[in-house]
Amino acid sequence: MFTLTSLNLNGIRSATAKGLEPWVAQLRPDCICVQELKAQAGDVAGRFEALAGMAGYFQFAEKKGYSGVGIYTRHEPSTVVTGFDCPEFDAEGRLVELRFDTPARKFSVISAYFPSGSSGEDRQQAKYRFLDTIAPHLARLQAERDFILCGDLNIAHQQIDLKNWRGNQKNSGFLPEERAWMSRLLAHDGEHEPLVDVYRHLHPDTTDACYTWWSNRGQAWANNVGWRIDYHLATATLAAQALETSIYKAERFSDHAPITVRYAFGL
């Protein structure tokens, strides 16, 4: 069995101060993908290279206190790939891929942090550029290997993926163009099998229980006014082996909740 967790940390120092490491130690995932480190290599050195006994691999943003992604793993990767050959977004620390290849299979775990466009039109346009660039990258990757991409995509795909969908149709994260991009990613295109939204594969109709992020404004957490913007996207072969998924809300390490999926294969 392969257990994979994803969590937007909203700062690794903050999340660990709130008890993240003991929880991870108890859960014992094979890998945990993390996003929004808000740290640079110097901040991680000597402190966060490992988490609950798992070795960490990272891509940091050039800007201090901003973005950054990582994967902590119990298994030695065969290859570590940072970024996706896009200078604009590689500088922001948006993607790290660990490959666990053997003679019998090619398999990757990817931690990704998609841009948010909520701060203004400039960032929304950057988000669209990111989507336009990452989609062909994933298609190329899918043509050569199986993978699971975990991360904060900053997109709620369907009406059932957020509480106030009616009031958010003109807001970043639920714009028609973003949702259409996600639909294309999850649809047959004539060349490749679609990627699979693993949570929706297992829970096609869940609403209130599916949320993974709550705004810090108002009483969003208390009233469960949330969004589902954290995903496992898997190639079809791997998605078919997803057994169960859970979103952990008993403790709060971040404004996001960790999402864990157990798969019926091992490394």
Protein backbone atom coordinates (compact mmCIF):
# COMPACT_ATOMS: atom_id res chain seq x y z
CA MET A 1 0.00 0.00 0.00
CA PHE A 2 1.18 3.52 -0.85
CA THR A 3 0.00 6.38 1.38
CA LEU A 4 0.34 9.88 -0.04
CA THR A 5 -0.56 13.15 1.70
CA SER A 6 -0.67 16.72 0.44
CA LEU A 7 -0.82 19.94 2.45
CA ASN A 8 -0.41 23.63 1.75
CA LEU A 9 1.58 24.64 4.84
CA ASN A 10 1.04 28.40 4.63
CA GLY A 11 4.58 28.56 6.00
CA ILE A 12 6.63 25.59 7.14
CA ARG A 13 7.70 27.31 10.34
CA SER A 14 4.10 28.09 11.23
CA ALA A 15 2.78 24.61 10.41
CA THR A 16 5.46 22.80 12.40
CA ALA A 17 4.88 25.12 15.35
CA LYS A 18 1.23 24.01 15.27
CA GLY A 19 2.08 20.31 15.62
CA LEU A 20 2.46 19.08 12.05
CA GLU A 21 5.40 16.76 12.69
CA PRO A 22 3.80 14.59 15.44
CA TRP A 23 0.74 14.13 13.24
CA VAL A 24 2.86 13.08 10.26
CA ALA A 25 4.84 10.71 12.49
CA GLN A 26 1.60 9.05 13.58
CA LEU A 27 0.13 8.89 10.05
CA ARG A 28 3.36 7.49 8.54
CA PRO A 29 2.70 8.32 4.89
CA ASP A 30 5.13 7.12 2.26
CA CYS A 31 5.38 10.69 0.99
CA ILE A 32 3.92 14.05 1.92
CA CYS A 33 3.78 16.79 -0.70
CA VAL A 34 3.91 20.29 0.76
CA GLN A 35 3.30 23.69 -0.78
CA GLU A 36 3.79 27.31 0.21
CA LEU A 37 6.92 26.72 2.25
CA LYS A 38 7.48 30.47 2.61
CA ALA A 39 11.13 29.65 3.21
CA GLN A 40 14.44 29.57 1.38
CA ALA A 41 17.24 26.99 1.44
CA GLY A 42 18.98 28.76 4.31
CA ASP A 43 15.81 28.63 6.42
CA VAL A 44 15.39 24.91 5.81
CA ALA A 45 19.04 23.96 6.39
CA GLY A 46 19.60 22.33 9.75
CA ARG A 47 15.92 22.47 10.63
CA PHE A 48 13.51 21.20 8.02
CA GLU A 49 15.55 18.95 5.71
CA ALA A 50 13.66 16.03 7.24
CA LEU A 51 10.16 15.69 8.66
CA ALA A 52 9.17 12.79 10.92
CA GLY A 53 12.14 10.81 9.65
CA MET A 54 11.45 11.48 5.96
CA ALA A 55 13.99 13.18 3.70
CA GLY A 56 12.87 16.38 2.01
CA TYR A 57 13.40 17.61 -1.56
CA PHE A 58 12.47 21.16 -2.46
CA GLN A 59 12.14 23.91 -5.01
CA PHE A 60 12.37 27.32 -3.38
CA ALA A 61 11.13 30.65 -4.66
CA GLU A 62 13.68 33.35 -5.32
CA LYS A 63 11.50 35.85 -3.45
CA LYS A 64 11.87 35.57 0.31
CA GLY A 65 8.90 34.30 2.31
CA TYR A 66 7.02 33.29 -0.81
CA SER A 67 5.70 30.11 -2.40
CA GLY A 68 8.05 27.08 -2.55
CA VAL A 69 7.22 23.37 -2.71
CA GLY A 70 8.63 20.15 -1.35
CA ILE A 71 8.19 16.41 -0.99
CA TYR A 72 9.17 14.45 2.10
CA THR A 73 9.64 10.74 1.43
CA ARG A 74 10.56 7.46 3.13
CA HIS A 75 11.87 6.09 -0.17
CA GLU A 76 15.00 7.07 -2.06
CA PRO A 77 14.02 8.63 -5.40
CA SER A 78 15.80 7.57 -8.55
CA THR A 79 15.71 11.14 -9.87
CA VAL A 80 14.75 14.57 -8.51
CA VAL A 81 13.36 17.12 -10.98
CA THR A 82 12.87 20.72 -9.88
CA GLY A 83 10.68 23.00 -11.97
CA PHE A 84 9.27 22.42 -15.44
CA ASP A 85 11.55 24.48 -17.69
CA CYS A 86 9.51 27.66 -17.36
CA PRO A 87 11.76 30.47 -16.06
CA GLU A 88 8.91 32.72 -14.91
CA PHE A 89 7.37 30.10 -12.64
CA ASP A 90 10.47 28.09 -11.79
CA ALA A 91 11.67 31.30 -10.12
CA GLU A 92 8.54 31.16 -7.96
CA GLY A 93 9.14 27.59 -6.72
CA ARG A 94 6.03 25.97 -8.16
CA LEU A 95 6.89 22.31 -8.85
CA VAL A 96 9.12 19.47 -7.68
CA GLU A 97 8.96 15.90 -9.00
CA LEU A 98 10.41 12.76 -7.46
CA ARG A 99 10.83 9.76 -9.72
CA PHE A 100 10.77 6.25 -8.30
CA ASP A 101 11.68 4.33 -11.44
CA THR A 102 12.50 0.64 -11.67
CA PRO A 103 13.08 -1.62 -14.70
CA ALA A 104 9.41 -2.57 -14.44
CA ARG A 105 7.80 0.88 -14.14
CA LYS A 106 8.15 4.64 -14.42
CA PHE A 107 6.40 6.42 -11.55
CA SER A 108 6.54 9.98 -10.23
CA VAL A 109 5.13 11.96 -7.33
CA ILE A 110 4.76 15.68 -8.02
CA SER A 111 4.15 18.53 -5.57
CA ALA A 112 2.72 21.61 -7.28
CA TYR A 113 1.54 25.01 -6.13
CA PHE A 114 -0.52 26.80 -8.78
CA PRO A 115 -0.59 30.60 -8.64
CA SER A 116 -3.47 32.49 -7.09
CA GLY A 117 -5.02 35.31 -9.04
CA SER A 118 -6.93 36.79 -6.13
CA SER A 119 -4.58 39.73 -5.52
CA GLY A 120 -5.29 41.42 -8.84
CA GLU A 121 -5.49 41.21 -12.61
CA ASP A 122 -1.72 40.96 -13.07
CA ARG A 123 -1.58 37.80 -11.00
CA GLN A 124 -4.68 36.40 -12.68
CA GLN A 125 -2.97 36.78 -16.05
CA ALA A 126 0.12 35.09 -14.58
CA LYS A 127 -2.13 32.26 -13.43
CA TYR A 128 -3.44 31.83 -16.97
CA ARG A 129 0.14 31.76 -18.31
CA PHE A 130 0.96 29.08 -15.76
CA LEU A 131 -2.05 26.98 -16.80
CA ASP A 132 -1.13 27.36 -20.46
CA THR A 133 2.40 26.14 -19.72
CA ILE A 134 1.79 23.36 -17.20
CA ALA A 135 -0.87 21.56 -19.28
CA PRO A 136 1.44 20.54 -22.17
CA HIS A 137 4.16 19.68 -19.65
CA LEU A 138 1.82 17.25 -17.91
CA ALA A 139 0.72 15.81 -21.26
CA ARG A 140 4.33 15.12 -22.20
CA LEU A 141 4.97 13.56 -18.83
CA GLN A 142 1.86 11.42 -19.09
CA ALA A 143 3.04 10.08 -22.44
CA GLU A 144 6.10 8.54 -20.79
CA ARG A 145 5.20 7.68 -17.17
CA ASP A 146 2.54 7.26 -14.50
CA PHE A 147 2.37 10.00 -11.90
CA ILE A 148 0.34 11.50 -9.10
CA LEU A 149 0.33 15.28 -8.90
CA CYS A 150 -0.57 16.62 -5.48
CA GLY A 151 -1.04 20.21 -4.54
CA ASP A 152 -2.91 23.43 -4.15
CA LEU A 153 -4.31 24.16 -7.60
CA ASN A 154 -6.18 27.29 -6.51
CA ILE A 155 -9.16 26.15 -8.60
CA ALA A 156 -12.49 24.78 -7.40
CA HIS A 157 -13.65 22.73 -10.36
CA GLN A 158 -17.38 22.24 -9.83
CA GLN A 159 -20.22 23.89 -7.94
CA ILE A 160 -20.06 21.14 -5.32
CA ASP A 161 -16.42 22.07 -4.61
CA LEU A 162 -17.17 25.28 -2.71
CA LYS A 163 -19.84 26.53 -0.36
CA ASN A 164 -20.78 29.83 -1.98
CA TRP A 165 -20.47 29.00 -5.64
CA ARG A 166 -23.11 31.48 -6.75
CA GLY A 167 -21.27 34.42 -5.19
CA ASN A 168 -17.84 33.37 -6.46
CA GLN A 169 -18.46 33.00 -10.20
CA LYS A 170 -16.51 36.20 -10.90
CA ASN A 171 -13.74 35.51 -8.37
CA SER A 172 -10.35 33.95 -9.01
CA GLY A 173 -10.42 30.25 -8.26
CA PHE A 174 -13.89 29.74 -9.68
CA LEU A 175 -13.74 31.67 -12.94
CA PRO A 176 -15.24 29.96 -16.01
CA GLU A 177 -11.86 29.93 -17.79
CA GLU A 178 -10.14 28.20 -14.86
CA ARG A 179 -12.88 25.62 -14.50
CA ALA A 180 -12.84 24.95 -18.26
CA TRP A 181 -9.06 24.40 -18.10
CA MET A 182 -9.60 21.83 -15.37
CA SER A 183 -12.33 20.12 -17.36
CA ARG A 184 -9.98 19.80 -20.33
CA LEU A 185 -7.28 18.32 -18.11
CA LEU A 186 -9.72 15.69 -16.86
CA ALA A 187 -11.24 14.90 -20.28
CA HIS A 188 -10.23 12.64 -23.17
CA ASP A 189 -8.39 14.69 -25.78
CA GLY A 190 -8.00 12.00 -28.42
CA GLU A 191 -4.32 11.45 -27.68
CA HIS A 192 -3.99 10.85 -23.95
CA GLU A 193 -6.12 9.30 -21.27
CA PRO A 194 -7.45 12.01 -18.96
CA LEU A 195 -5.92 12.68 -15.61
CA VAL A 196 -8.23 11.62 -12.79
CA ASP A 197 -9.34 13.75 -9.85
CA VAL A 198 -8.85 11.01 -7.27
CA TYR A 199 -11.06 12.51 -4.56
CA ARG A 200 -13.97 12.81 -7.00
CA HIS A 201 -13.26 9.31 -8.30
CA LEU A 202 -13.87 8.02 -4.78
CA HIS A 203 -16.49 10.58 -3.67
CA PRO A 204 -18.30 11.90 -6.74
CA ASP A 205 -21.08 13.71 -4.89
CA THR A 206 -19.61 14.88 -1.57
CA THR A 207 -20.14 18.57 -0.80
CA ASP A 208 -19.57 20.05 2.67
CA ALA A 209 -17.07 17.36 3.72
CA CYS A 210 -14.84 17.88 0.68
CA TYR A 211 -13.40 21.30 1.46
CA THR A 212 -9.67 21.72 2.01
CA TRP A 213 -9.30 25.51 2.41
CA TRP A 214 -11.11 28.15 4.43
CA SER A 215 -10.56 31.89 4.24
CA ASN A 216 -9.23 33.56 7.37
CA ARG A 217 -11.86 36.25 6.91
CA GLY A 218 -15.05 36.21 8.93
CA GLN A 219 -16.16 32.86 10.35
CA ALA A 220 -15.34 30.73 7.31
CA TRP A 221 -13.81 27.87 9.30
CA ALA A 222 -16.46 27.92 12.05
CA ASN A 223 -19.26 27.90 9.47
CA ASN A 224 -17.47 25.51 7.06
CA VAL A 225 -17.56 28.06 4.25
CA GLY A 226 -14.80 26.29 2.37
CA TRP A 227 -13.32 25.44 -1.01
CA ARG A 228 -11.87 22.22 -2.40
CA ILE A 229 -8.69 23.45 -4.09
CA ASP A 230 -6.19 20.77 -2.98
CA TYR A 231 -6.01 17.72 -5.21
CA HIS A 232 -4.50 14.37 -6.09
CA LEU A 233 -4.49 14.17 -9.90
CA ALA A 234 -3.36 10.76 -11.09
CA THR A 235 -2.88 8.93 -14.35
CA ALA A 236 -5.70 6.47 -14.92
CA THR A 237 -3.75 3.33 -14.01
CA LEU A 238 -2.87 4.74 -10.59
CA ALA A 239 -6.24 6.35 -9.94
CA ALA A 240 -7.88 2.96 -10.43
CA GLN A 241 -5.84 1.74 -7.45
CA ALA A 242 -7.03 4.47 -5.06
CA LEU A 243 -8.66 2.74 -2.08
CA GLU A 244 -9.68 5.54 0.27
CA THR A 245 -9.17 9.21 0.95
CA SER A 246 -9.47 11.43 3.99
CA ILE A 247 -9.25 15.14 4.78
CA TYR A 248 -7.89 15.72 8.28
CA LYS A 249 -9.62 18.49 10.23
CA ALA A 250 -9.18 17.50 13.88
CA GLU A 251 -6.16 19.80 14.11
CA ARG A 252 -5.31 22.92 12.12
CA PHE A 253 -1.74 23.23 10.89
CA SER A 254 -2.64 25.79 8.22
CA ASP A 255 -5.60 27.47 6.54
CA HIS A 256 -5.64 24.28 4.43
CA ALA A 257 -6.38 20.72 5.59
CA PRO A 258 -4.19 17.74 4.63
CA ILE A 259 -5.66 15.36 2.08
CA THR A 260 -4.44 11.75 2.17
CA VAL A 261 -5.06 8.93 -0.31
CA ARG A 262 -4.14 5.28 0.16
CA TYR A 263 -3.33 3.40 -3.03
CA ALA A 264 -3.21 -0.36 -3.59
CA PHE A 265 0.38 -0.48 -4.77
CA GLY A 266 3.74 -0.21 -3.09
CA LEU A 267 7.14 1.18 -3.94
